[in-house]
C-alpha atoms as a PDB file:
ATOM      1  CA  MET A   1       0.007   0.074  -0.020  1.00  0.00           C
ATOM      2  CA  THR A   2       1.489   3.111  -0.926  1.00  0.00           C
ATOM      3  CA  ILE A   3       1.321   5.872   1.504  1.00  0.00           C
ATOM      4  CA  GLU A   4       0.622   9.514   0.412  1.00  0.00           C
ATOM      5  CA  PRO A   5       3.654  11.813   2.046  1.00  0.00           C
ATOM      6  CA  ARG A   6       1.691  14.102   4.981  1.00  0.00           C
ATOM      7  CA  ALA A   7       1.156  17.876   3.647  1.00  0.00           C
ATOM      8  CA  ILE A   8       1.193  20.486   6.365  1.00  0.00           C
ATOM      9  CA  ILE A   9      -2.090  21.877   5.526  1.00  0.00           C
ATOM     10  CA  SER A  10      -3.026  21.243   9.194  1.00  0.00           C
ATOM     11  CA  ASP A  11      -1.185  24.607  10.041  1.00  0.00           C
ATOM     12  CA  TRP A  12      -2.488  26.104   6.820  1.00  0.00           C
ATOM     13  CA  LYS A  13      -5.798  28.575   7.484  1.00  0.00           C
ATOM     14  CA  ASP A  14      -8.176  28.277   5.252  1.00  0.00           C
ATOM     15  CA  SER A  15      -9.039  31.849   4.164  1.00  0.00           C
ATOM     16  CA  SER A  16     -13.198  30.956   4.304  1.00  0.00           C
ATOM     17  CA  ILE A  17     -12.539  30.423   8.123  1.00  0.00           C
ATOM     18  CA  TRP A  18     -10.289  33.766   8.411  1.00  0.00           C
ATOM     19  CA  SER A  19     -12.840  36.068   6.245  1.00  0.00           C
ATOM     20  CA  THR A  20     -14.747  38.494   8.030  1.00  0.00           C
ATOM     21  CA  GLN A  21     -17.728  37.970   5.827  1.00  0.00           C
ATOM     22  CA  ARG A  22     -19.724  35.845   8.596  1.00  0.00           C
ATOM     23  CA  LEU A  23     -19.292  37.908  11.298  1.00  0.00           C
ATOM     24  CA  PRO A  24     -21.360  40.625  12.305  1.00  0.00           C
ATOM     25  CA  ALA A  25     -20.624  44.051  10.638  1.00  0.00           C
ATOM     26  CA  GLU A  26     -19.882  45.381  14.121  1.00  0.00           C
ATOM     27  CA  ARG A  27     -17.383  42.889  15.033  1.00  0.00           C
ATOM     28  CA  GLN A  28     -15.474  42.610  11.774  1.00  0.00           C
ATOM     29  CA  PHE A  29     -12.988  45.203  12.479  1.00  0.00           C
ATOM     30  CA  ASP A  30     -11.960  44.211  16.028  1.00  0.00           C
ATOM     31  CA  ARG A  31     -11.653  40.237  14.837  1.00  0.00           C
ATOM     32  CA  TRP A  32      -9.361  41.322  11.670  1.00  0.00           C
ATOM     33  CA  CYS A  33      -7.357  43.322  14.263  1.00  0.00           C
ATOM     34  CA  ASP A  34      -7.124  39.665  15.917  1.00  0.00           C
ATOM     35  CA  PHE A  35      -6.285  38.275  13.247  1.00  0.00           C
ATOM     36  CA  VAL A  36      -3.276  40.543  12.635  1.00  0.00           C
ATOM     37  CA  ASN A  37      -2.044  40.028  15.967  1.00  0.00           C
ATOM     38  CA  GLU A  38      -2.162  36.091  15.461  1.00  0.00           C
ATOM     39  CA  ALA A  39      -0.325  35.955  12.190  1.00  0.00           C
ATOM     40  CA  HIS A  40       2.087  39.141  12.064  1.00  0.00           C
ATOM     41  CA  SER A  41       3.182  39.329  16.049  1.00  0.00           C
ATOM     42  CA  HIS A  42       1.851  41.769  18.444  1.00  0.00           C
ATOM     43  CA  TRP A  43       0.450  45.583  16.787  1.00  0.00           C
ATOM     44  CA  SER A  44      -1.411  48.234  18.721  1.00  0.00           C
ATOM     45  CA  ILE A  45      -4.203  49.162  16.040  1.00  0.00           C
ATOM     46  CA  ARG A  46      -6.206  52.097  16.205  1.00  0.00           C
ATOM     47  CA  ARG A  47      -9.762  51.411  16.382  1.00  0.00           C
ATOM     48  CA  GLU A  48     -11.948  53.026  14.186  1.00  0.00           C
ATOM     49  CA  PRO A  49     -15.612  52.727  13.958  1.00  0.00           C
ATOM     50  CA  TYR A  50     -16.044  51.148  10.158  1.00  0.00           C
ATOM     51  CA  ASP A  51     -19.630  50.395   9.218  1.00  0.00           C
ATOM     52  CA  ILE A  52     -18.240  47.268   7.798  1.00  0.00           C
ATOM     53  CA  PHE A  53     -14.773  45.587   7.134  1.00  0.00           C
ATOM     54  CA  PRO A  54     -14.210  42.870   4.444  1.00  0.00           C
ATOM     55  CA  ALA A  55     -11.218  41.263   4.691  1.00  0.00           C
ATOM     56  CA  PHE A  56      -9.065  37.805   5.301  1.00  0.00           C
ATOM     57  CA  ILE A  57      -5.964  36.435   6.357  1.00  0.00           C
ATOM     58  CA  ARG A  58      -4.671  33.123   5.705  1.00  0.00           C
ATOM     59  CA  GLU A  59      -1.721  32.149   7.535  1.00  0.00           C
ATOM     60  CA  GLY A  60       0.649  29.150   8.049  1.00  0.00           C
ATOM     61  CA  ARG A  61       3.890  27.871   9.941  1.00  0.00           C
ATOM     62  CA  PHE A  62       6.290  25.414   9.479  1.00  0.00           C
ATOM     63  CA  GLY A  63       9.475  25.240  11.571  1.00  0.00           C
ATOM     64  CA  ASP A  64      11.405  28.605  11.527  1.00  0.00           C
ATOM     65  CA  PHE A  65       8.860  29.899   8.558  1.00  0.00           C
ATOM     66  CA  ARG A  66       5.488  31.540   8.591  1.00  0.00           C
ATOM     67  CA  MET A  67       3.575  32.256   5.410  1.00  0.00           C
ATOM     68  CA  ALA A  68       0.586  34.817   5.192  1.00  0.00           C
ATOM     69  CA  SER A  69      -1.606  36.568   3.063  1.00  0.00           C
ATOM     70  CA  LEU A  70      -3.841  39.300   4.398  1.00  0.00           C
ATOM     71  CA  THR A  71      -6.339  41.750   2.757  1.00  0.00           C
ATOM     72  CA  SER A  72      -7.975  45.042   3.787  1.00  0.00           C
ATOM     73  CA  ALA A  73     -10.420  46.974   1.889  1.00  0.00           C
ATOM     74  CA  GLN A  74     -10.723  49.590   4.111  1.00  0.00           C
ATOM     75  CA  SER A  75      -8.090  52.521   3.960  1.00  0.00           C
ATOM     76  CA  ARG A  76      -6.275  54.588   7.122  1.00  0.00           C
ATOM     77  CA  VAL A  77      -6.133  51.411   9.385  1.00  0.00           C
ATOM     78  CA  LYS A  78      -2.945  52.338  11.556  1.00  0.00           C
ATOM     79  CA  GLY A  79      -0.878  49.605  13.667  1.00  0.00           C
ATOM     80  CA  THR A  80       2.295  50.353  15.389  1.00  0.00           C
ATOM     81  CA  ARG A  81       4.576  48.278  17.369  1.00  0.00           C
ATOM     82  CA  SER A  82       6.366  50.098  20.053  1.00  0.00           C
ATOM     83  CA  CYS A  83       8.976  48.495  22.812  1.00  0.00           C
ATOM     84  CA  VAL A  84       5.686  47.297  24.736  1.00  0.00           C
ATOM     85  CA  GLU A  85       4.470  45.054  21.926  1.00  0.00           C
ATOM     86  CA  ILE A  86       8.059  43.957  20.456  1.00  0.00           C
ATOM     87  CA  ALA A  87       8.897  42.792  24.083  1.00  0.00           C
ATOM     88  CA  GLN A  88       5.402  40.686  23.858  1.00  0.00           C
ATOM     89  CA  ASP A  89       7.193  38.170  21.106  1.00  0.00           C
ATOM     90  CA  ALA A  90       8.435  35.087  21.807  1.00  0.00           C
ATOM     91  CA  GLU A  91      10.629  35.373  18.625  1.00  0.00           C
ATOM     92  CA  ALA A  92      12.255  37.895  16.253  1.00  0.00           C
ATOM     93  CA  PHE A  93      11.411  37.695  12.872  1.00  0.00           C
ATOM     94  CA  TYR A  94      12.402  39.269   9.441  1.00  0.00           C
ATOM     95  CA  ASN A  95       9.370  39.438   7.142  1.00  0.00           C
ATOM     96  CA  ILE A  96       9.480  40.133   3.187  1.00  0.00           C
ATOM     97  CA  ILE A  97       6.043  41.638   2.413  1.00  0.00           C
ATOM     98  CA  TYR A  98       5.079  42.011  -1.311  1.00  0.00           C
ATOM     99  CA  ILE A  99       2.161  44.075  -2.221  1.00  0.00           C
ATOM    100  CA  VAL A 100      -0.259  42.683  -4.509  1.00  0.00           C
ATOM    101  CA  ASN A 101      -3.003  44.873  -4.902  1.00  0.00           C
ATOM    102  CA  GLY A 102      -3.726  48.525  -3.215  1.00  0.00           C
ATOM    103  CA  SER A 103      -1.244  50.087  -0.913  1.00  0.00           C
ATOM    104  CA  GLU A 104       0.494  50.719   2.449  1.00  0.00           C
ATOM    105  CA  CYS A 105       2.877  53.017   4.162  1.00  0.00           C
ATOM    106  CA  LEU A 106       4.927  52.068   6.565  1.00  0.00           C
ATOM    107  CA  ILE A 107       7.270  54.078   8.854  1.00  0.00           C
ATOM    108  CA  ILE A 108      10.712  52.580   9.985  1.00  0.00           C
ATOM    109  CA  ASP A 109      13.078  54.640  11.874  1.00  0.00           C
ATOM    110  CA  GLY A 110      11.058  57.661  11.077  1.00  0.00           C
ATOM    111  CA  ARG A 111      11.475  57.394   7.239  1.00  0.00           C
ATOM    112  CA  GLU A 112       7.938  56.881   5.429  1.00  0.00           C
ATOM    113  CA  ILE A 113       8.030  54.262   2.920  1.00  0.00           C
ATOM    114  CA  ASP A 114       5.179  54.172   0.161  1.00  0.00           C
ATOM    115  CA  LEU A 115       4.583  50.486  -1.231  1.00  0.00           C
ATOM    116  CA  ARG A 116       2.422  49.835  -4.317  1.00  0.00           C
ATOM    117  CA  PRO A 117       1.724  46.748  -6.531  1.00  0.00           C
ATOM    118  CA  GLY A 118       5.032  45.425  -7.265  1.00  0.00           C
ATOM    119  CA  ASN A 119       6.995  46.484  -4.350  1.00  0.00           C
ATOM    120  CA  PHE A 120       8.124  44.307  -1.889  1.00  0.00           C
ATOM    121  CA  VAL A 121      10.561  45.471   1.527  1.00  0.00           C
ATOM    122  CA  LEU A 122      12.165  43.698   4.168  1.00  0.00           C
ATOM    123  CA  TRP A 123      10.857  44.891   7.800  1.00  0.00           C
ATOM    124  CA  ASP A 124      12.427  43.605  11.171  1.00  0.00           C
ATOM    125  CA  SER A 125       9.803  42.734  14.196  1.00  0.00           C
ATOM    126  CA  ALA A 126      12.480  43.183  16.641  1.00  0.00           C
ATOM    127  CA  ARG A 127      12.381  47.241  15.334  1.00  0.00           C
ATOM    128  CA  PRO A 128       9.813  49.705  15.773  1.00  0.00           C
ATOM    129  CA  MET A 129       7.426  50.085  12.862  1.00  0.00           C
ATOM    130  CA  THR A 130       4.332  51.530  11.803  1.00  0.00           C
ATOM    131  CA  PHE A 131       1.817  50.531   9.206  1.00  0.00           C
ATOM    132  CA  ILE A 132      -1.133  52.943   7.428  1.00  0.00           C
ATOM    133  CA  THR A 133      -3.145  51.027   4.751  1.00  0.00           C
ATOM    134  CA  GLY A 134      -4.337  51.645   1.601  1.00  0.00           C
ATOM    135  CA  GLU A 135      -7.669  51.181   0.201  1.00  0.00           C
ATOM    136  CA  ASN A 136      -7.920  47.455  -1.171  1.00  0.00           C
ATOM    137  CA  LEU A 137      -4.981  46.242   0.278  1.00  0.00           C
ATOM    138  CA  HIS A 138      -3.747  42.641  -0.450  1.00  0.00           C
ATOM    139  CA  GLN A 139      -0.340  41.889   0.666  1.00  0.00           C
ATOM    140  CA  VAL A 140       1.907  38.287   0.917  1.00  0.00           C
ATOM    141  CA  THR A 141       4.386  37.954   3.969  1.00  0.00           C
ATOM    142  CA  LEU A 142       6.998  35.347   4.264  1.00  0.00           C
ATOM    143  CA  ALA A 143       8.433  35.397   7.831  1.00  0.00           C
ATOM    144  CA  VAL A 144      11.722  33.965   9.090  1.00  0.00           C
ATOM    145  CA  THR A 145      13.328  33.911  12.335  1.00  0.00           C
ATOM    146  CA  HIS A 146      16.313  36.131  12.751  1.00  0.00           C
ATOM    147  CA  ASP A 147      18.426  33.019  13.786  1.00  0.00           C
ATOM    148  CA  ARG A 148      17.519  31.068  10.496  1.00  0.00           C
ATOM    149  CA  LEU A 149      18.230  34.480   8.073  1.00  0.00           C
ATOM    150  CA  HIS A 150      21.238  35.340   9.459  1.00  0.00           C
ATOM    151  CA  ARG A 151      22.872  32.022   8.965  1.00  0.00           C
ATOM    152  CA  VAL A 152      22.422  32.350   5.079  1.00  0.00           C
ATOM    153  CA  PHE A 153      22.878  36.186   5.220  1.00  0.00           C
ATOM    154  CA  PRO A 154      24.085  37.927   8.412  1.00  0.00           C
ATOM    155  CA  GLN A 155      23.617  41.157   7.161  1.00  0.00           C
ATOM    156  CA  ALA A 156      20.046  40.991   6.683  1.00  0.00           C
ATOM    157  CA  GLY A 157      19.201  43.821   9.156  1.00  0.00           C
ATOM    158  CA  ASP A 158      20.925  46.475   6.730  1.00  0.00           C
ATOM    159  CA  PHE A 159      18.141  45.923   4.211  1.00  0.00           C
ATOM    160  CA  VAL A 160      15.440  46.651   6.674  1.00  0.00           C
ATOM    161  CA  GLY A 161      12.903  49.436   5.071  1.00  0.00           C
ATOM    162  CA  LYS A 162      14.361  49.153   1.552  1.00  0.00           C
ATOM    163  CA  PRO A 163      11.864  49.294  -0.848  1.00  0.00           C
ATOM    164  CA  LEU A 164      12.644  46.970  -4.202  1.00  0.00           C
ATOM    165  CA  SER A 165      10.266  46.812  -7.250  1.00  0.00           C
ATOM    166  CA  ALA A 166       9.640  43.296  -8.852  1.00  0.00           C
ATOM    167  CA  ALA A 167       9.608  44.915 -12.071  1.00  0.00           C
ATOM    168  CA  THR A 168      12.537  42.897 -13.863  1.00  0.00           C
ATOM    169  CA  GLY A 169      15.249  40.541 -13.105  1.00  0.00           C
ATOM    170  CA  LEU A 170      16.029  38.658 -10.064  1.00  0.00           C
ATOM    171  CA  ASN A 171      13.623  40.821  -8.070  1.00  0.00           C
ATOM    172  CA  ARG A 172      10.642  39.741 -10.515  1.00  0.00           C
ATOM    173  CA  LEU A 173      11.811  36.429 -10.246  1.00  0.00           C
ATOM    174  CA  PHE A 174      11.478  36.006  -6.689  1.00  0.00           C
ATOM    175  CA  ALA A 175       8.320  38.028  -6.420  1.00  0.00           C
ATOM    176  CA  ASN A 176       6.968  35.200  -8.814  1.00  0.00           C
ATOM    177  CA  HIS A 177       8.011  32.822  -6.521  1.00  0.00           C
ATOM    178  CA  LEU A 178       6.576  34.393  -3.556  1.00  0.00           C
ATOM    179  CA  LEU A 179       3.602  34.154  -4.889  1.00  0.00           C
ATOM    180  CA  SER A 180       3.314  30.759  -5.727  1.00  0.00           C
ATOM    181  CA  LEU A 181       4.641  29.946  -2.367  1.00  0.00           C
ATOM    182  CA  ASP A 182       1.805  31.252  -1.011  1.00  0.00           C
ATOM    183  CA  GLU A 183      -0.627  29.878  -2.991  1.00  0.00           C
ATOM    184  CA  GLN A 184       0.852  26.087  -2.586  1.00  0.00           C
ATOM    185  CA  PHE A 185       2.403  26.423   1.376  1.00  0.00           C
ATOM    186  CA  GLY A 186      -0.247  24.137   2.502  1.00  0.00           C
ATOM    187  CA  GLU A 187       0.159  21.756  -0.104  1.00  0.00           C
ATOM    188  CA  LEU A 188       3.396  21.215   0.568  1.00  0.00           C
ATOM    189  CA  PRO A 189       4.383  17.664   1.702  1.00  0.00           C
ATOM    190  CA  CYS A 190       6.132  17.533   5.205  1.00  0.00           C
ATOM    191  CA  ASP A 191       9.265  15.760   3.480  1.00  0.00           C
ATOM    192  CA  GLN A 192       9.691  18.395   1.248  1.00  0.00           C
ATOM    193  CA  ALA A 193       8.308  21.677   3.095  1.00  0.00           C
ATOM    194  CA  ARG A 194      12.014  22.088   4.637  1.00  0.00           C
ATOM    195  CA  SER A 195      13.915  22.137   1.482  1.00  0.00           C
ATOM    196  CA  VAL A 196      11.473  24.269  -0.494  1.00  0.00           C
ATOM    197  CA  LEU A 197      11.469  26.803   2.440  1.00  0.00           C
ATOM    198  CA  ASP A 198      15.442  26.890   2.785  1.00  0.00           C
ATOM    199  CA  SER A 199      15.591  27.457  -1.069  1.00  0.00           C
ATOM    200  CA  SER A 200      13.398  30.327  -0.706  1.00  0.00           C
ATOM    201  CA  ILE A 201      15.808  31.833   2.012  1.00  0.00           C
ATOM    202  CA  ASP A 202      18.872  31.199  -0.745  1.00  0.00           C
ATOM    203  CA  PHE A 203      16.653  32.832  -3.305  1.00  0.00           C
ATOM    204  CA  LEU A 204      15.986  36.064  -0.796  1.00  0.00           C
ATOM    205  CA  ALA A 205      19.328  36.830   0.035  1.00  0.00           C
ATOM    206  CA  ALA A 206      20.408  36.358  -3.478  1.00  0.00           C
ATOM    207  CA  THR A 207      18.106  38.871  -4.381  1.00  0.00           C
ATOM    208  CA  LEU A 208      18.886  41.474  -1.327  1.00  0.00           C
ATOM    209  CA  ASP A 209      22.129  41.062  -2.270  1.00  0.00           C
ATOM    210  CA  SER A 210      21.910  41.533  -6.192  1.00  0.00           C
ATOM    211  CA  SER A 211      19.881  44.483  -5.557  1.00  0.00           C
ATOM    212  CA  ASN A 212      22.159  46.020  -3.442  1.00  0.00           C
ATOM    213  CA  CYS A 213      25.449  45.287  -5.677  1.00  0.00           C
ATOM    214  CA  SER A 214      23.312  47.567  -8.532  1.00  0.00           C
ATOM    215  CA  ALA A 215      22.404  50.346  -6.057  1.00  0.00           C
ATOM    216  CA  ASP A 216      25.951  50.738  -4.965  1.00  0.00           C
ATOM    217  CA  GLY A 217      29.121  49.347  -6.322  1.00  0.00           C
ATOM    218  CA  VAL A 218      31.094  48.845  -3.294  1.00  0.00           C
ATOM    219  CA  PHE A 219      28.782  45.843  -2.395  1.00  0.00           C
ATOM    220  CA  ALA A 220      30.023  44.109  -5.993  1.00  0.00           C
ATOM    221  CA  SER A 221      33.447  43.117  -3.980  1.00  0.00           C
ATOM    222  CA  GLU A 222      33.206  39.639  -2.927  1.00  0.00           C
ATOM    223  CA  LEU A 223      35.665  40.250  -0.516  1.00  0.00           C
ATOM    224  CA  LEU A 224      33.907  42.952   1.490  1.00  0.00           C
ATOM    225  CA  ARG A 225      30.754  40.770   1.274  1.00  0.00           C
ATOM    226  CA  LYS A 226      32.692  37.813   3.027  1.00  0.00           C
ATOM    227  CA  ILE A 227      34.408  40.022   5.923  1.00  0.00           C
ATOM    228  CA  ARG A 228      30.915  41.445   6.904  1.00  0.00           C
ATOM    229  CA  ARG A 229      29.562  38.002   7.164  1.00  0.00           C
ATOM    230  CA  TYR A 230      32.684  37.059   9.010  1.00  0.00           C
ATOM    231  CA  ILE A 231      32.297  39.839  11.073  1.00  0.00           C
ATOM    232  CA  ASP A 232      28.565  39.208  12.115  1.00  0.00           C
ATOM    233  CA  GLN A 233      29.076  35.411  13.002  1.00  0.00           C
ATOM    234  CA  ASN A 234      31.691  36.480  15.302  1.00  0.00           C
ATOM    235  CA  LEU A 235      30.106  39.514  17.113  1.00  0.00           C
ATOM    236  CA  GLU A 236      30.483  37.210  20.254  1.00  0.00           C
ATOM    237  CA  ASP A 237      34.029  36.896  20.086  1.00  0.00           C
ATOM    238  CA  PHE A 238      36.162  38.943  22.450  1.00  0.00           C
ATOM    239  CA  ASP A 239      39.288  38.459  20.201  1.00  0.00           C
ATOM    240  CA  LEU A 240      37.559  40.082  17.105  1.00  0.00           C
ATOM    241  CA  SER A 241      39.452  42.630  15.819  1.00  0.00           C
ATOM    242  CA  ILE A 242      40.410  44.482  13.176  1.00  0.00           C
ATOM    243  CA  SER A 243      43.893  43.049  13.115  1.00  0.00           C
ATOM    244  CA  ASN A 244      42.489  39.491  13.517  1.00  0.00           C
ATOM    245  CA  ILE A 245      39.895  40.453  10.923  1.00  0.00           C
ATOM    246  CA  ALA A 246      42.221  41.311   8.146  1.00  0.00           C
ATOM    247  CA  ALA A 247      44.697  38.336   8.916  1.00  0.00           C
ATOM    248  CA  SER A 248      41.698  36.179   8.530  1.00  0.00           C
ATOM    249  CA  HIS A 249      41.060  37.556   5.039  1.00  0.00           C
ATOM    250  CA  GLY A 250      44.605  37.621   3.865  1.00  0.00           C
ATOM    251  CA  ILE A 251      44.770  41.492   3.349  1.00  0.00           C
ATOM    252  CA  SER A 252      46.316  44.419   5.294  1.00  0.00           C
ATOM    253  CA  ILE A 253      44.602  46.678   7.941  1.00  0.00           C
ATOM    254  CA  ARG A 254      44.963  49.467   5.574  1.00  0.00           C
ATOM    255  CA  HIS A 255      42.858  47.540   2.788  1.00  0.00           C
ATOM    256  CA  LEU A 256      40.343  46.379   5.155  1.00  0.00           C
ATOM    257  CA  HIS A 257      39.873  50.344   6.125  1.00  0.00           C
ATOM    258  CA  ARG A 258      39.662  50.793   2.597  1.00  0.00           C
ATOM    259  CA  LEU A 259      36.974  48.118   1.935  1.00  0.00           C
ATOM    260  CA  PHE A 260      34.728  49.813   4.461  1.00  0.00           C
ATOM    261  CA  GLN A 261      34.751  53.421   3.584  1.00  0.00           C
ATOM    262  CA  GLY A 262      32.164  52.787   0.656  1.00  0.00           C
ATOM    263  CA  LEU A 263      29.676  51.835   3.426  1.00  0.00           C
ATOM    264  CA  ASP A 264      30.371  55.383   5.182  1.00  0.00           C
ATOM    265  CA  THR A 265      31.606  53.520   8.558  1.00  0.00           C
ATOM    266  CA  SER A 266      34.717  52.182   9.978  1.00  0.00           C
ATOM    267  CA  VAL A 267      35.538  48.596  10.885  1.00  0.00           C
ATOM    268  CA  ALA A 268      35.043  49.244  14.186  1.00  0.00           C
ATOM    269  CA  ARG A 269      31.785  51.563  14.207  1.00  0.00           C
ATOM    270  CA  TYR A 270      30.410  48.195  12.464  1.00  0.00           C
ATOM    271  CA  ILE A 271      31.372  45.905  14.743  1.00  0.00           C
ATOM    272  CA  VAL A 272      29.979  48.038  17.650  1.00  0.00           C
ATOM    273  CA  LYS A 273      26.818  49.156  15.797  1.00  0.00           C
ATOM    274  CA  HIS A 274      25.862  45.423  15.085  1.00  0.00           C
ATOM    275  CA  ARG A 275      26.813  44.398  18.724  1.00  0.00           C
ATOM    276  CA  LEU A 276      24.527  47.272  20.054  1.00  0.00           C
ATOM    277  CA  ASP A 277      21.703  45.823  17.533  1.00  0.00           C
ATOM    278  CA  ARG A 278      21.478  42.591  19.025  1.00  0.00           C
ATOM    279  CA  CYS A 279      21.766  43.589  22.953  1.00  0.00           C
ATOM    280  CA  LYS A 280      19.159  46.304  22.157  1.00  0.00           C
ATOM    281  CA  HIS A 281      17.143  43.064  20.800  1.00  0.00           C
ATOM    282  CA  GLU A 282      17.845  40.955  24.051  1.00  0.00           C
ATOM    283  CA  LEU A 283      16.861  43.956  26.108  1.00  0.00           C
ATOM    284  CA  SER A 284      13.592  44.503  24.460  1.00  0.00           C
ATOM    285  CA  SER A 285      13.126  40.476  24.865  1.00  0.00           C
ATOM    286  CA  SER A 286      10.832  38.707  27.150  1.00  0.00           C
ATOM    287  CA  LEU A 287      13.153  35.614  26.304  1.00  0.00           C
ATOM    288  CA  HIS A 288      15.835  37.357  28.047  1.00  0.00           C
ATOM    289  CA  ARG A 289      14.358  39.144  30.712  1.00  0.00           C
ATOM    290  CA  ARG A 290      15.740  37.150  33.664  1.00  0.00           C
ATOM    291  CA  ALA A 291      19.055  38.325  32.341  1.00  0.00           C
ATOM    292  CA  SER A 292      21.466  41.384  33.789  1.00  0.00           C
ATOM    293  CA  ILE A 293      22.339  43.880  31.008  1.00  0.00           C
ATOM    294  CA  THR A 294      26.125  42.789  32.103  1.00  0.00           C
ATOM    295  CA  ASP A 295      25.273  39.512  31.116  1.00  0.00           C
ATOM    296  CA  ILE A 296      23.850  40.560  27.690  1.00  0.00           C
ATOM    297  CA  ALA A 297      26.519  43.066  27.257  1.00  0.00           C
ATOM    298  CA  PHE A 298      29.200  40.531  27.823  1.00  0.00           C
ATOM    299  CA  ARG A 299      27.284  37.721  25.357  1.00  0.00           C
ATOM    300  CA  TRP A 300      27.569  40.479  22.677  1.00  0.00           C
ATOM    301  CA  GLY A 301      31.390  41.097  22.991  1.00  0.00           C
ATOM    302  CA  PHE A 302      31.525  44.139  25.354  1.00  0.00           C
ATOM    303  CA  THR A 303      34.122  43.761  28.034  1.00  0.00           C
ATOM    304  CA  ASP A 304      33.104  46.892  29.697  1.00  0.00           C
ATOM    305  CA  SER A 305      29.670  47.708  31.474  1.00  0.00           C
ATOM    306  CA  GLY A 306      30.687  51.282  31.370  1.00  0.00           C
ATOM    307  CA  THR A 307      31.852  51.335  27.953  1.00  0.00           C
ATOM    308  CA  PHE A 308      28.500  49.511  26.764  1.00  0.00           C
ATOM    309  CA  SER A 309      26.421  51.933  28.677  1.00  0.00           C
ATOM    310  CA  LYS A 310      27.776  54.934  26.824  1.00  0.00           C
ATOM    311  CA  ALA A 311      27.981  53.498  23.429  1.00  0.00           C
ATOM    312  CA  PHE A 312      24.286  52.462  24.100  1.00  0.00           C
ATOM    313  CA  ARG A 313      23.024  55.567  25.180  1.00  0.00           C
ATOM    314  CA  ARG A 314      25.003  57.684  21.883  1.00  0.00           C
ATOM    315  CA  GLU A 315      23.420  54.875  19.782  1.00  0.00           C
ATOM    316  CA  PHE A 316      19.915  55.214  21.117  1.00  0.00           C
ATOM    317  CA  GLY A 317      19.648  58.439  22.996  1.00  0.00           C
ATOM    318  CA  MET A 318      18.806  56.309  26.503  1.00  0.00           C
ATOM    319  CA  THR A 319      21.033  53.870  28.742  1.00  0.00           C
ATOM    320  CA  PRO A 320      20.311  50.411  28.483  1.00  0.00           C
ATOM    321  CA  ARG A 321      18.996  50.445  31.835  1.00  0.00           C
ATOM    322  CA  ASP A 322      16.414  53.276  31.138  1.00  0.00           C
ATOM    323  CA  PHE A 323      15.649  51.367  27.959  1.00  0.00           C
ATOM    324  CA  ARG A 324      14.745  48.199  29.780  1.00  0.00           C
ATOM    325  CA  ALA A 325      12.557  49.751  32.446  1.00  0.00           C
ATOM    326  CA  ALA A 326      10.718  51.743  29.972  1.00  0.00           C
ATOM    327  CA  ALA A 327       9.643  48.450  28.322  1.00  0.00           C
ATOM    328  CA  LYS A 328       8.730  47.019  31.604  1.00  0.00           C
ATOM    329  CA  VAL A 329       6.725  49.935  33.002  1.00  0.00           C
ATOM    330  CA  GLN A 330       4.976  50.651  29.943  1.00  0.00           C
ATOM    331  CA  GLY A 331       4.147  46.676  29.182  1.00  0.00           C
ATOM    332  CA  ALA A 332       2.862  46.653  33.217  1.00  0.00           C
ATOM    333  CA  ILE A 333       0.793  49.775  32.372  1.00  0.00           C
ATOM    334  CA  SER A 334      -0.502  48.238  28.883  1.00  0.00           C
ATOM    335  CA  THR A 335      -1.430  44.634  30.538  1.00  0.00           C
ATOM    336  CA  PRO A 336      -5.043  44.106  32.143  1.00  0.00           C
ATOM    337  CA  ALA A 337      -4.804  43.590  36.176  1.00  0.00           C
END
């Protein structure tokens, strides 16, 4: 007897189940907000008095991956992720959003990003963000954990908030792949899903890297890409230094500095910035609430808590202690007794 491979359909929510059309009009928007929080991490969504809110979300999960297709016919829906919402998530995800129809505005690092059909962009669930929907929005999202994407593409964080067009070339191929994955995710047999999704992440990394190479010639340097990958994979190493990096890649320190000039930063600044980003994420995460600030700093290569505190304040405008305290206080205020 032939046994058919088991698909992951049990984790793929049928659109008719998630559709708001069977709900009373006055409950549709609130239920859609619940859907968003289930499929797209935690958000604070401004409640609006919509008479009717036709929409659906289809969402599936497999291992380190999530796939979601979302619609919202109404415009001006506004959702925000602050340190309060970020702290409620158990894991941090990179999300690649593709706009199939309608429009959406994202606000990341104080910069507005207007997305239209055929645009896609990477956002990071560990960083504050705001979205504002346009009319008849339909977006497809592929999400992958930080750890999973960093294994393939350590510099992923550098691409957050940079919109891309799927009009031509590799971008178009990736967009078509994303749409196909959205349609067939729930039909993938379990024994094939891992390899398909792994290939999708390789495809995403190649697409992001290729688009950046086109925009900035310095990224055409394979050596620079290898060095950045090496740094990002060794941030926890106390012995990570400019001389060690240069020696590991068979180049002079002067040549190493010259490679980083095109990035508008120095080697040392690059290392500190990425270490601070990792520390900030852990300070805002409920998974690391029992870890001391010093433990987190030391885990990411800082050897002196005073130096770490000064660097953190210079980068983010507040001390690590104040940042963590603010997240805890706001979280306590927003949590019902």
